[in-house]
C-alpha atoms as a PDB file:
ATOM      1  CA  MET A   1    -101.915 145.233  78.234  1.00  0.00           C
ATOM      2  CA  ALA A   2     -99.531 145.845  75.021  1.00  0.00           C
ATOM      3  CA  ASP A   3     -96.040 144.559  75.263  1.00  0.00           C
ATOM      4  CA  VAL A   4     -94.289 147.316  73.163  1.00  0.00           C
ATOM      5  CA  VAL A   5     -95.746 151.285  73.374  1.00  0.00           C
ATOM      6  CA  VAL A   6     -94.396 153.692  70.639  1.00  0.00           C
ATOM      7  CA  VAL A   7     -94.768 157.531  71.407  1.00  0.00           C
ATOM      8  CA  GLY A   8     -94.221 159.202  68.112  1.00  0.00           C
ATOM      9  CA  SER A   9     -95.023 160.910  64.986  1.00  0.00           C
ATOM     10  CA  TYR A  10     -98.019 160.394  62.519  1.00  0.00           C
ATOM     11  CA  VAL A  11     -97.279 161.370  58.985  1.00  0.00           C
ATOM     12  CA  GLN A  12     -99.059 161.644  55.722  1.00  0.00           C
ATOM     13  CA  ASP A  13     -96.856 160.163  53.295  1.00  0.00           C
ATOM     14  CA  LEU A  14     -97.038 161.539  50.008  1.00  0.00           C
ATOM     15  CA  SER A  15     -94.438 160.078  47.969  1.00  0.00           C
ATOM     16  CA  PHE A  16     -93.279 160.459  44.453  1.00  0.00           C
ATOM     17  CA  ARG A  17     -90.603 158.326  42.939  1.00  0.00           C
ATOM     18  CA  THR A  18     -88.789 159.427  39.186  1.00  0.00           C
ATOM     19  CA  GLU A  19     -85.964 157.844  37.904  1.00  0.00           C
ATOM     20  CA  GLN A  20     -83.366 160.695  39.207  1.00  0.00           C
ATOM     21  CA  LEU A  21     -84.068 163.227  41.780  1.00  0.00           C
ATOM     22  CA  PRO A  22     -84.623 166.924  40.536  1.00  0.00           C
ATOM     23  CA  ALA A  23     -81.836 169.237  40.761  1.00  0.00           C
ATOM     24  CA  PRO A  24     -82.564 173.043  41.783  1.00  0.00           C
ATOM     25  CA  GLY A  25     -85.583 174.534  39.705  1.00  0.00           C
ATOM     26  CA  GLU A  26     -85.799 171.386  37.596  1.00  0.00           C
ATOM     27  CA  THR A  27     -89.151 169.493  37.160  1.00  0.00           C
ATOM     28  CA  ARG A  28     -89.206 165.673  36.397  1.00  0.00           C
ATOM     29  CA  LEU A  29     -92.084 163.472  35.444  1.00  0.00           C
ATOM     30  CA  GLY A  30     -92.757 160.615  37.888  1.00  0.00           C
ATOM     31  CA  THR A  31     -95.333 158.332  39.690  1.00  0.00           C
ATOM     32  CA  PHE A  32     -97.058 159.257  42.979  1.00  0.00           C
ATOM     33  CA  GLN A  33     -99.065 157.265  46.129  1.00  0.00           C
ATOM     34  CA  SER A  34    -100.194 158.469  49.458  1.00  0.00           C
ATOM     35  CA  GLY A  35     -99.496 156.210  52.723  1.00  0.00           C
ATOM     36  CA  ALA A  36     -99.599 156.263  56.188  1.00  0.00           C
ATOM     37  CA  GLY A  37     -96.078 157.257  57.675  1.00  0.00           C
ATOM     38  CA  GLY A  38     -94.161 159.082  60.267  1.00  0.00           C
ATOM     39  CA  LYS A  39     -91.112 157.830  62.078  1.00  0.00           C
ATOM     40  CA  GLY A  40     -93.191 156.682  65.039  1.00  0.00           C
ATOM     41  CA  PHE A  41     -96.299 155.145  63.289  1.00  0.00           C
ATOM     42  CA  ASN A  42     -93.470 153.403  61.297  1.00  0.00           C
ATOM     43  CA  GLN A  43     -92.321 151.947  64.485  1.00  0.00           C
ATOM     44  CA  ALA A  44     -95.572 150.815  65.554  1.00  0.00           C
ATOM     45  CA  VAL A  45     -96.563 148.908  62.474  1.00  0.00           C
ATOM     46  CA  ALA A  46     -93.431 147.326  61.815  1.00  0.00           C
ATOM     47  CA  CYS A  47     -93.318 145.847  65.565  1.00  0.00           C
ATOM     48  CA  SER A  48     -97.008 144.892  65.842  1.00  0.00           C
ATOM     49  CA  ARG A  49     -96.905 143.001  62.401  1.00  0.00           C
ATOM     50  CA  GLN A  50     -94.452 140.590  64.244  1.00  0.00           C
ATOM     51  CA  GLY A  51     -97.123 139.225  65.862  1.00  0.00           C
ATOM     52  CA  VAL A  52     -96.090 141.637  69.375  1.00  0.00           C
ATOM     53  CA  VAL A  53     -99.420 143.659  70.529  1.00  0.00           C
ATOM     54  CA  THR A  54     -98.311 147.547  70.556  1.00  0.00           C
ATOM     55  CA  GLN A  55    -100.033 150.312  71.318  1.00  0.00           C
ATOM     56  CA  PHE A  56     -98.871 153.979  69.803  1.00  0.00           C
ATOM     57  CA  LEU A  57     -99.425 157.221  71.565  1.00  0.00           C
ATOM     58  CA  GLY A  58     -99.517 160.176  68.568  1.00  0.00           C
ATOM     59  CA  ALA A  59    -101.277 163.678  68.156  1.00  0.00           C
ATOM     60  CA  VAL A  60    -103.254 164.348  64.702  1.00  0.00           C
ATOM     61  CA  ALA A  61    -105.402 167.228  63.882  1.00  0.00           C
ATOM     62  CA  ASN A  62    -109.443 167.171  62.486  1.00  0.00           C
ATOM     63  CA  ASP A  63    -108.822 166.389  59.130  1.00  0.00           C
ATOM     64  CA  LEU A  64    -108.866 163.702  56.167  1.00  0.00           C
ATOM     65  CA  PHE A  65    -105.507 162.470  57.036  1.00  0.00           C
ATOM     66  CA  ALA A  66    -106.206 161.695  60.539  1.00  0.00           C
ATOM     67  CA  VAL A  67    -109.243 159.934  59.210  1.00  0.00           C
ATOM     68  CA  GLU A  68    -106.735 157.946  57.154  1.00  0.00           C
ATOM     69  CA  ALA A  69    -104.580 156.926  60.289  1.00  0.00           C
ATOM     70  CA  GLU A  70    -107.505 155.757  61.851  1.00  0.00           C
ATOM     71  CA  ASN A  71    -108.696 153.467  58.858  1.00  0.00           C
ATOM     72  CA  PHE A  72    -104.597 151.917  59.248  1.00  0.00           C
ATOM     73  CA  VAL A  73    -105.154 151.222  62.173  1.00  0.00           C
ATOM     74  CA  ALA A  74    -108.568 149.386  62.365  1.00  0.00           C
ATOM     75  CA  HIS A  75    -106.544 147.211  59.672  1.00  0.00           C
ATOM     76  CA  GLU A  76    -103.887 145.923  61.842  1.00  0.00           C
ATOM     77  CA  GLU A  77    -104.307 142.997  64.140  1.00  0.00           C
ATOM     78  CA  SER A  78    -102.145 143.739  67.194  1.00  0.00           C
ATOM     79  CA  LEU A  79    -101.939 147.519  67.036  1.00  0.00           C
ATOM     80  CA  THR A  80    -104.013 150.163  68.800  1.00  0.00           C
ATOM     81  CA  ALA A  81    -103.463 153.817  68.667  1.00  0.00           C
ATOM     82  CA  PHE A  82    -104.340 156.403  71.210  1.00  0.00           C
ATOM     83  CA  LEU A  83    -104.559 159.717  69.495  1.00  0.00           C
ATOM     84  CA  GLU A  84    -104.439 163.462  70.960  1.00  0.00           C
ATOM     85  CA  ARG A  85    -106.479 165.288  68.699  1.00  0.00           C
ATOM     86  CA  ILE A  86    -105.126 169.490  68.212  1.00  0.00           C
ATOM     87  CA  ASP A  87    -107.759 171.041  66.294  1.00  0.00           C
ATOM     88  CA  SER A  88    -105.563 174.312  65.239  1.00  0.00           C
ATOM     89  CA  SER A  89    -103.016 172.527  63.444  1.00  0.00           C
ATOM     90  CA  HIS A  90    -102.953 169.561  60.448  1.00  0.00           C
ATOM     91  CA  THR A  91    -101.903 166.423  60.980  1.00  0.00           C
ATOM     92  CA  GLY A  92     -98.375 165.685  59.819  1.00  0.00           C
ATOM     93  CA  VAL A  93     -97.105 165.063  55.991  1.00  0.00           C
ATOM     94  CA  ALA A  94     -94.161 164.213  54.310  1.00  0.00           C
ATOM     95  CA  SER A  95     -93.089 164.920  50.454  1.00  0.00           C
ATOM     96  CA  ILE A  96     -90.890 161.898  49.635  1.00  0.00           C
ATOM     97  CA  VAL A  97     -89.071 161.905  46.376  1.00  0.00           C
ATOM     98  CA  VAL A  98     -87.091 158.199  45.631  1.00  0.00           C
ATOM     99  CA  ASP A  99     -85.479 157.755  42.448  1.00  0.00           C
ATOM    100  CA  GLY A 100     -83.827 154.740  40.697  1.00  0.00           C
ATOM    101  CA  LYS A 101     -81.405 153.907  43.131  1.00  0.00           C
ATOM    102  CA  ALA A 102     -83.586 153.877  46.513  1.00  0.00           C
ATOM    103  CA  GLN A 103     -81.775 157.317  47.539  1.00  0.00           C
ATOM    104  CA  ASN A 104     -84.604 159.879  49.102  1.00  0.00           C
ATOM    105  CA  GLN A 105     -85.496 163.345  49.714  1.00  0.00           C
ATOM    106  CA  ILE A 106     -88.008 164.051  52.481  1.00  0.00           C
ATOM    107  CA  VAL A 107     -89.372 167.143  53.781  1.00  0.00           C
ATOM    108  CA  VAL A 108     -91.918 166.916  56.749  1.00  0.00           C
ATOM    109  CA  ALA A 109     -94.199 169.483  57.787  1.00  0.00           C
ATOM    110  CA  LEU A 110     -94.606 167.945  61.939  1.00  0.00           C
ATOM    111  CA  GLY A 111     -98.091 169.546  62.392  1.00  0.00           C
ATOM    112  CA  ALA A 112     -99.880 168.191  65.288  1.00  0.00           C
ATOM    113  CA  ASN A 113     -96.804 166.043  65.760  1.00  0.00           C
ATOM    114  CA  GLY A 114     -94.929 169.214  67.420  1.00  0.00           C
ATOM    115  CA  ARG A 115     -97.552 169.644  69.759  1.00  0.00           C
ATOM    116  CA  LEU A 116     -98.042 165.976  71.076  1.00  0.00           C
ATOM    117  CA  SER A 117     -98.327 167.022  75.060  1.00  0.00           C
ATOM    118  CA  ARG A 118     -96.644 165.928  77.954  1.00  0.00           C
ATOM    119  CA  SER A 119     -99.851 165.662  79.528  1.00  0.00           C
ATOM    120  CA  PHE A 120    -101.208 163.697  77.324  1.00  0.00           C
ATOM    121  CA  VAL A 121     -98.519 161.489  77.604  1.00  0.00           C
ATOM    122  CA  GLN A 122     -98.557 161.314  81.386  1.00  0.00           C
ATOM    123  CA  GLN A 123    -102.194 160.487  81.234  1.00  0.00           C
ATOM    124  CA  ARG A 124    -101.225 157.051  80.017  1.00  0.00           C
ATOM    125  CA  ALA A 125     -98.470 156.527  82.199  1.00  0.00           C
ATOM    126  CA  ALA A 126    -100.381 153.313  82.952  1.00  0.00           C
ATOM    127  CA  LEU A 127     -99.828 151.597  79.799  1.00  0.00           C
ATOM    128  CA  PHE A 128     -95.625 151.953  79.980  1.00  0.00           C
ATOM    129  CA  HIS A 129     -96.293 149.853  83.534  1.00  0.00           C
ATOM    130  CA  ASP A 130     -97.082 147.146  81.313  1.00  0.00           C
ATOM    131  CA  ALA A 131     -94.837 147.319  78.671  1.00  0.00           C
ATOM    132  CA  LYS A 132     -91.709 145.618  78.195  1.00  0.00           C
ATOM    133  CA  ILE A 133     -90.235 147.670  75.545  1.00  0.00           C
ATOM    134  CA  VAL A 134     -90.621 151.612  75.265  1.00  0.00           C
ATOM    135  CA  VAL A 135     -89.755 152.864  71.912  1.00  0.00           C
ATOM    136  CA  THR A 136     -89.898 157.218  71.208  1.00  0.00           C
ATOM    137  CA  GLN A 137     -88.082 159.359  68.429  1.00  0.00           C
ATOM    138  CA  LEU A 138     -87.263 163.247  67.816  1.00  0.00           C
ATOM    139  CA  GLU A 139     -90.347 163.871  64.956  1.00  0.00           C
ATOM    140  CA  MET A 140     -92.223 165.319  67.779  1.00  0.00           C
ATOM    141  CA  ASN A 141     -92.341 167.565  70.750  1.00  0.00           C
ATOM    142  CA  ILE A 142     -89.264 167.281  72.616  1.00  0.00           C
ATOM    143  CA  GLU A 143     -91.163 167.707  75.833  1.00  0.00           C
ATOM    144  CA  ALA A 144     -93.066 164.458  75.336  1.00  0.00           C
ATOM    145  CA  VAL A 145     -89.643 162.672  74.326  1.00  0.00           C
ATOM    146  CA  ASP A 146     -88.803 163.668  78.089  1.00  0.00           C
ATOM    147  CA  GLU A 147     -92.037 162.257  79.208  1.00  0.00           C
ATOM    148  CA  THR A 148     -91.435 159.534  77.722  1.00  0.00           C
ATOM    149  CA  LEU A 149     -88.045 158.275  78.478  1.00  0.00           C
ATOM    150  CA  SER A 150     -88.956 159.915  82.353  1.00  0.00           C
ATOM    151  CA  ILE A 151     -91.978 157.139  82.244  1.00  0.00           C
ATOM    152  CA  ALA A 152     -90.088 154.187  81.037  1.00  0.00           C
ATOM    153  CA  ARG A 153     -87.616 154.443  83.603  1.00  0.00           C
ATOM    154  CA  GLU A 154     -90.136 154.762  86.666  1.00  0.00           C
ATOM    155  CA  SER A 155     -91.817 151.375  84.898  1.00  0.00           C
ATOM    156  CA  SER A 156     -88.380 149.354  84.441  1.00  0.00           C
ATOM    157  CA  SER A 157     -88.998 149.009  80.970  1.00  0.00           C
ATOM    158  CA  ILE A 158     -86.737 149.215  78.175  1.00  0.00           C
ATOM    159  CA  SER A 159     -86.711 152.355  76.568  1.00  0.00           C
ATOM    160  CA  ILE A 160     -85.197 152.312  72.756  1.00  0.00           C
ATOM    161  CA  LEU A 161     -84.889 156.354  71.644  1.00  0.00           C
ATOM    162  CA  ASP A 162     -84.370 156.951  67.850  1.00  0.00           C
ATOM    163  CA  PRO A 163     -82.586 160.299  67.996  1.00  0.00           C
ATOM    164  CA  ALA A 164     -83.980 161.031  64.726  1.00  0.00           C
ATOM    165  CA  PRO A 165     -84.421 163.499  62.992  1.00  0.00           C
ATOM    166  CA  ILE A 166     -82.033 165.639  64.780  1.00  0.00           C
ATOM    167  CA  ASN A 167     -83.043 168.014  66.960  1.00  0.00           C
ATOM    168  CA  PRO A 168     -81.564 171.103  68.651  1.00  0.00           C
ATOM    169  CA  GLU A 169     -83.529 171.285  71.772  1.00  0.00           C
ATOM    170  CA  LEU A 170     -82.136 167.407  72.222  1.00  0.00           C
ATOM    171  CA  SER A 171     -79.920 167.749  75.923  1.00  0.00           C
ATOM    172  CA  VAL A 172     -77.166 165.250  76.793  1.00  0.00           C
ATOM    173  CA  GLU A 173     -79.477 164.869  80.033  1.00  0.00           C
ATOM    174  CA  LEU A 174     -82.563 163.379  77.869  1.00  0.00           C
ATOM    175  CA  LEU A 175     -80.641 161.340  75.482  1.00  0.00           C
ATOM    176  CA  GLN A 176     -78.995 159.610  78.836  1.00  0.00           C
ATOM    177  CA  LYS A 177     -82.812 158.642  79.977  1.00  0.00           C
ATOM    178  CA  ALA A 178     -82.829 155.977  77.288  1.00  0.00           C
ATOM    179  CA  ASP A 179     -81.022 152.827  77.402  1.00  0.00           C
ATOM    180  CA  VAL A 180     -80.726 152.041  73.970  1.00  0.00           C
ATOM    181  CA  ILE A 181     -80.439 154.460  70.949  1.00  0.00           C
ATOM    182  CA  THR A 182     -80.629 153.530  66.944  1.00  0.00           C
ATOM    183  CA  PRO A 183     -79.281 156.615  64.909  1.00  0.00           C
ATOM    184  CA  ASN A 184     -77.825 155.893  61.689  1.00  0.00           C
ATOM    185  CA  GLU A 185     -74.381 157.070  60.592  1.00  0.00           C
ATOM    186  CA  SER A 186     -74.788 160.553  59.888  1.00  0.00           C
ATOM    187  CA  GLU A 187     -77.411 161.211  63.218  1.00  0.00           C
ATOM    188  CA  PHE A 188     -74.343 159.433  65.342  1.00  0.00           C
ATOM    189  CA  THR A 189     -71.923 162.057  63.885  1.00  0.00           C
ATOM    190  CA  SER A 190     -74.117 165.029  64.457  1.00  0.00           C
ATOM    191  CA  LEU A 191     -75.055 163.617  67.728  1.00  0.00           C
ATOM    192  CA  LEU A 192     -71.236 163.681  68.682  1.00  0.00           C
ATOM    193  CA  LYS A 193     -70.844 167.388  67.192  1.00  0.00           C
ATOM    194  CA  GLN A 194     -73.802 168.685  68.975  1.00  0.00           C
ATOM    195  CA  LEU A 195     -74.027 167.315  72.558  1.00  0.00           C
ATOM    196  CA  PHE A 196     -70.193 166.510  72.818  1.00  0.00           C
ATOM    197  CA  GLY A 197     -68.486 168.736  70.795  1.00  0.00           C
ATOM    198  CA  ASP A 198     -66.569 165.966  69.112  1.00  0.00           C
ATOM    199  CA  ASP A 199     -65.721 166.170  65.240  1.00  0.00           C
ATOM    200  CA  PRO A 200     -65.505 162.253  64.001  1.00  0.00           C
ATOM    201  CA  GLY A 201     -63.929 164.083  60.555  1.00  0.00           C
ATOM    202  CA  GLU A 202     -65.110 162.386  57.475  1.00  0.00           C
ATOM    203  CA  ARG A 203     -63.278 159.332  57.300  1.00  0.00           C
ATOM    204  CA  PHE A 204     -65.123 158.298  60.548  1.00  0.00           C
ATOM    205  CA  TRP A 205     -66.049 154.886  59.494  1.00  0.00           C
ATOM    206  CA  GLU A 206     -62.127 154.426  58.907  1.00  0.00           C
ATOM    207  CA  ARG A 207     -61.727 153.939  62.918  1.00  0.00           C
ATOM    208  CA  THR A 208     -61.265 150.995  64.354  1.00  0.00           C
ATOM    209  CA  ASP A 209     -63.856 149.190  66.087  1.00  0.00           C
ATOM    210  CA  LYS A 210     -62.175 150.151  69.690  1.00  0.00           C
ATOM    211  CA  GLU A 211     -62.268 154.018  68.478  1.00  0.00           C
ATOM    212  CA  LEU A 212     -65.851 154.076  67.912  1.00  0.00           C
ATOM    213  CA  GLN A 213     -66.760 152.281  71.046  1.00  0.00           C
ATOM    214  CA  GLY A 214     -64.982 155.238  72.623  1.00  0.00           C
ATOM    215  CA  LEU A 215     -67.172 157.602  70.784  1.00  0.00           C
ATOM    216  CA  CYS A 216     -70.161 155.303  71.471  1.00  0.00           C
ATOM    217  CA  GLU A 217     -69.117 155.550  75.469  1.00  0.00           C
ATOM    218  CA  LEU A 218     -69.074 159.098  75.481  1.00  0.00           C
ATOM    219  CA  CYS A 219     -72.899 158.982  74.792  1.00  0.00           C
ATOM    220  CA  GLY A 220     -73.339 157.716  78.228  1.00  0.00           C
ATOM    221  CA  VAL A 221     -76.221 155.617  76.994  1.00  0.00           C
ATOM    222  CA  PRO A 222     -75.968 151.760  77.958  1.00  0.00           C
ATOM    223  CA  LEU A 223     -76.600 150.359  74.523  1.00  0.00           C
ATOM    224  CA  VAL A 224     -75.669 151.719  71.092  1.00  0.00           C
ATOM    225  CA  ILE A 225     -76.520 150.632  67.691  1.00  0.00           C
ATOM    226  CA  VAL A 226     -75.273 152.845  65.283  1.00  0.00           C
ATOM    227  CA  THR A 227     -77.079 151.183  61.621  1.00  0.00           C
ATOM    228  CA  LEU A 228     -75.017 151.308  58.419  1.00  0.00           C
ATOM    229  CA  GLY A 229     -77.643 150.611  55.513  1.00  0.00           C
ATOM    230  CA  GLY A 230     -76.707 147.370  53.374  1.00  0.00           C
ATOM    231  CA  THR A 231     -73.685 146.900  55.634  1.00  0.00           C
ATOM    232  CA  GLY A 232     -74.974 146.232  58.666  1.00  0.00           C
ATOM    233  CA  CYS A 233     -74.625 147.834  62.421  1.00  0.00           C
ATOM    234  CA  PHE A 234     -71.876 148.624  64.966  1.00  0.00           C
ATOM    235  CA  VAL A 235     -73.373 147.655  68.628  1.00  0.00           C
ATOM    236  CA  SER A 236     -71.684 149.643  71.386  1.00  0.00           C
ATOM    237  CA  HIS A 237     -72.748 148.022  74.865  1.00  0.00           C
ATOM    238  CA  HIS A 238     -71.869 149.128  78.684  1.00  0.00           C
ATOM    239  CA  ARG A 239     -73.678 149.560  82.076  1.00  0.00           C
ATOM    240  CA  LEU A 240     -76.355 147.229  81.569  1.00  0.00           C
ATOM    241  CA  ASP A 241     -78.196 146.168  84.494  1.00  0.00           C
ATOM    242  CA  GLY A 242     -79.172 142.641  83.621  1.00  0.00           C
ATOM    243  CA  ARG A 243     -81.964 143.174  81.695  1.00  0.00           C
ATOM    244  CA  ILE A 244     -80.288 142.816  78.381  1.00  0.00           C
ATOM    245  CA  SER A 245     -78.096 139.376  77.761  1.00  0.00           C
ATOM    246  CA  LEU A 246     -74.991 141.218  77.083  1.00  0.00           C
ATOM    247  CA  GLY A 247     -71.691 142.020  79.164  1.00  0.00           C
ATOM    248  CA  GLU A 248     -69.495 144.812  78.579  1.00  0.00           C
ATOM    249  CA  GLY A 249     -68.219 145.043  74.438  1.00  0.00           C
ATOM    250  CA  PHE A 250     -68.798 145.814  71.045  1.00  0.00           C
ATOM    251  CA  PHE A 251     -69.346 143.880  67.932  1.00  0.00           C
ATOM    252  CA  ARG A 252     -70.764 144.335  64.403  1.00  0.00           C
ATOM    253  CA  ALA A 253     -73.899 142.749  63.345  1.00  0.00           C
ATOM    254  CA  SER A 254     -74.166 141.796  59.232  1.00  0.00           C
ATOM    255  CA  ALA A 255     -77.060 142.930  57.606  1.00  0.00           C
ATOM    256  CA  PRO A 256     -78.920 140.694  54.963  1.00  0.00           C
ATOM    257  CA  LYS A 257     -78.814 140.804  51.380  1.00  0.00           C
ATOM    258  CA  VAL A 258     -81.461 142.523  49.566  1.00  0.00           C
ATOM    259  CA  ASN A 259     -83.279 143.960  46.326  1.00  0.00           C
ATOM    260  CA  ALA A 260     -83.780 147.186  47.571  1.00  0.00           C
ATOM    261  CA  ILE A 261     -86.013 149.539  45.770  1.00  0.00           C
ATOM    262  CA  ASP A 262     -87.035 152.091  48.510  1.00  0.00           C
ATOM    263  CA  THR A 263     -85.130 152.806  51.809  1.00  0.00           C
ATOM    264  CA  THR A 264     -87.336 155.269  52.948  1.00  0.00           C
ATOM    265  CA  GLY A 265     -88.372 153.658  56.696  1.00  0.00           C
ATOM    266  CA  ALA A 266     -85.606 151.744  56.507  1.00  0.00           C
ATOM    267  CA  GLY A 267     -84.550 152.795  60.193  1.00  0.00           C
ATOM    268  CA  ASP A 268     -88.036 152.856  61.541  1.00  0.00           C
ATOM    269  CA  ALA A 269     -88.110 149.194  60.148  1.00  0.00           C
ATOM    270  CA  PHE A 270     -85.131 148.456  62.190  1.00  0.00           C
ATOM    271  CA  SER A 271     -86.585 150.330  65.661  1.00  0.00           C
ATOM    272  CA  GLY A 272     -89.886 148.578  65.514  1.00  0.00           C
ATOM    273  CA  GLY A 273     -88.146 145.240  64.685  1.00  0.00           C
ATOM    274  CA  LEU A 274     -85.712 145.398  67.144  1.00  0.00           C
ATOM    275  CA  ALA A 275     -88.476 146.185  69.499  1.00  0.00           C
ATOM    276  CA  ALA A 276     -90.606 143.200  68.581  1.00  0.00           C
ATOM    277  CA  GLY A 277     -87.123 141.446  68.698  1.00  0.00           C
ATOM    278  CA  LEU A 278     -86.152 141.922  72.311  1.00  0.00           C
ATOM    279  CA  VAL A 279     -89.944 140.624  73.066  1.00  0.00           C
ATOM    280  CA  ARG A 280     -89.855 137.626  70.990  1.00  0.00           C
ATOM    281  CA  TYR A 281     -86.398 137.185  71.989  1.00  0.00           C
ATOM    282  CA  ARG A 282     -86.449 137.843  76.080  1.00  0.00           C
ATOM    283  CA  ASN A 283     -84.007 140.488  75.682  1.00  0.00           C
ATOM    284  CA  ASP A 284     -81.060 138.401  73.882  1.00  0.00           C
ATOM    285  CA  ILE A 285     -79.440 141.639  72.210  1.00  0.00           C
ATOM    286  CA  LYS A 286     -77.755 139.613  68.901  1.00  0.00           C
ATOM    287  CA  SER A 287     -81.007 137.895  68.190  1.00  0.00           C
ATOM    288  CA  ALA A 288     -82.973 141.203  68.796  1.00  0.00           C
ATOM    289  CA  ILE A 289     -80.703 142.825  66.558  1.00  0.00           C
ATOM    290  CA  ALA A 290     -80.546 139.619  63.548  1.00  0.00           C
ATOM    291  CA  PHE A 291     -83.923 139.622  63.430  1.00  0.00           C
ATOM    292  CA  ALA A 292     -84.327 143.617  63.315  1.00  0.00           C
ATOM    293  CA  SER A 293     -82.094 143.775  60.443  1.00  0.00           C
ATOM    294  CA  CYS A 294     -84.375 141.460  58.445  1.00  0.00           C
ATOM    295  CA  VAL A 295     -87.401 143.586  59.094  1.00  0.00           C
ATOM    296  CA  ALA A 296     -85.896 146.373  57.738  1.00  0.00           C
ATOM    297  CA  GLY A 297     -83.939 144.773  55.102  1.00  0.00           C
ATOM    298  CA  LEU A 298     -87.028 143.168  53.771  1.00  0.00           C
ATOM    299  CA  SER A 299     -88.970 146.750  54.208  1.00  0.00           C
ATOM    300  CA  THR A 300     -86.911 148.304  51.689  1.00  0.00           C
ATOM    301  CA  GLU A 301     -88.016 145.861  49.059  1.00  0.00           C
ATOM    302  CA  ARG A 302     -91.398 147.807  48.717  1.00  0.00           C
ATOM    303  CA  VAL A 303     -92.616 150.768  48.167  1.00  0.00           C
ATOM    304  CA  GLY A 304     -93.609 153.296  51.119  1.00  0.00           C
ATOM    305  CA  THR A 305     -93.304 153.063  54.620  1.00  0.00           C
ATOM    306  CA  SER A 306     -96.188 151.926  56.915  1.00  0.00           C
ATOM    307  CA  PRO A 307     -97.723 149.511  54.333  1.00  0.00           C
ATOM    308  CA  ALA A 308     -94.322 148.330  53.148  1.00  0.00           C
ATOM    309  CA  MET A 309     -93.218 146.532  56.344  1.00  0.00           C
ATOM    310  CA  PRO A 310     -93.320 142.909  56.767  1.00  0.00           C
ATOM    311  CA  TYR A 311     -95.110 140.363  58.429  1.00  0.00           C
ATOM    312  CA  SER A 312     -93.696 138.043  60.890  1.00  0.00           C
ATOM    313  CA  PHE A 313     -94.458 135.094  58.307  1.00  0.00           C
ATOM    314  CA  GLU A 314     -92.769 137.019  55.589  1.00  0.00           C
ATOM    315  CA  VAL A 315     -89.434 137.599  57.398  1.00  0.00           C
ATOM    316  CA  HIS A 316     -89.046 134.197  58.765  1.00  0.00           C
ATOM    317  CA  GLU A 317     -90.259 132.789  55.347  1.00  0.00           C
ATOM    318  CA  ARG A 318     -87.836 135.057  53.668  1.00  0.00           C
ATOM    319  CA  PHE A 319     -84.833 134.967  56.448  1.00  0.00           C
ATOM    320  CA  ARG A 320     -84.724 131.116  57.414  1.00  0.00           C
ATOM    321  CA  GLU A 321     -81.878 131.354  59.144  1.00  0.00           C
ATOM    322  CA  LEU A 322     -83.388 133.500  61.955  1.00  0.00           C
ATOM    323  CA  PRO A 323     -83.843 131.443  65.511  1.00  0.00           C
ATOM    324  CA  SER A 324     -87.229 130.829  66.613  1.00  0.00           C
ATOM    325  CA  PRO A 325     -89.036 133.085  68.882  1.00  0.00           C
ATOM    326  CA  VAL A 326     -88.402 132.045  72.732  1.00  0.00           C
ATOM    327  CA  SER A 327     -91.778 131.255  74.008  1.00  0.00           C
ATOM    328  CA  ARG A 328     -93.311 133.699  76.796  1.00  0.00           C
ATOM    329  CA  GLU A 329     -94.577 131.143  78.813  1.00  0.00           C
END
């Protein structure tokens, strides 16, 4: 039985590091490494490395990258994976270029992720009924996202949707099936434009917190956490049903000081850390967000995505101000 179920993408990362991102038509020299990744898989690894039993549902093909996924999972103590095999496709792959300032450019070929089936998720509905938290994102077949959130609602699990990458098939109805959404600044702006026809403008974050709260309420989701990189996040909460310990309102949460060298996967680390934090702190959202920010921050001090996700002991050694987890007894 797992505390957290993550339904999402597995992508093999082909990562390049160079001092400056190449301009169109330009070739630059750099270094290379390959490793496990994908938004869903990164979230699952980030969560499981906090000592929270986690199950991952995703899709791969029958190729060498699928073997790498299985080998990675075999070495993760608190993580198990259920993988749908798509013979007529390829395992997801991403080309990632990171510069000397930790900025990145990414191109993803979803492959098998785009064909993760609704039926595969349905057949594993029992996993959701045992889970406290269900996490998903948009780097896969949108029908599987819909099924994931529907089953999570039926099972009374808290559902977290990372609405990235922005998907033109995302609807207001689907978004509002989630209990929590975790967009970054640009993703949140895109959501407002795509779903509600509201253009916040270029000076979006110069608005007052009360105005930002109003924009968050447009989403119709109980808990909206807009991540703002090194400056922390803006949190809007309303219509909660008692499962998360917050009343109505909004607040800002700061981010820890880190020496970032690669921000690829930081948002995934936050979402996975948030899921783990909700389990560890018994749905105390402020403690869970503080914990998630530390997981995400520490992940940026390492190269890669899934391999860069920190372990619980590393997080607590680095950020000693974090509260101790609440006993599950």
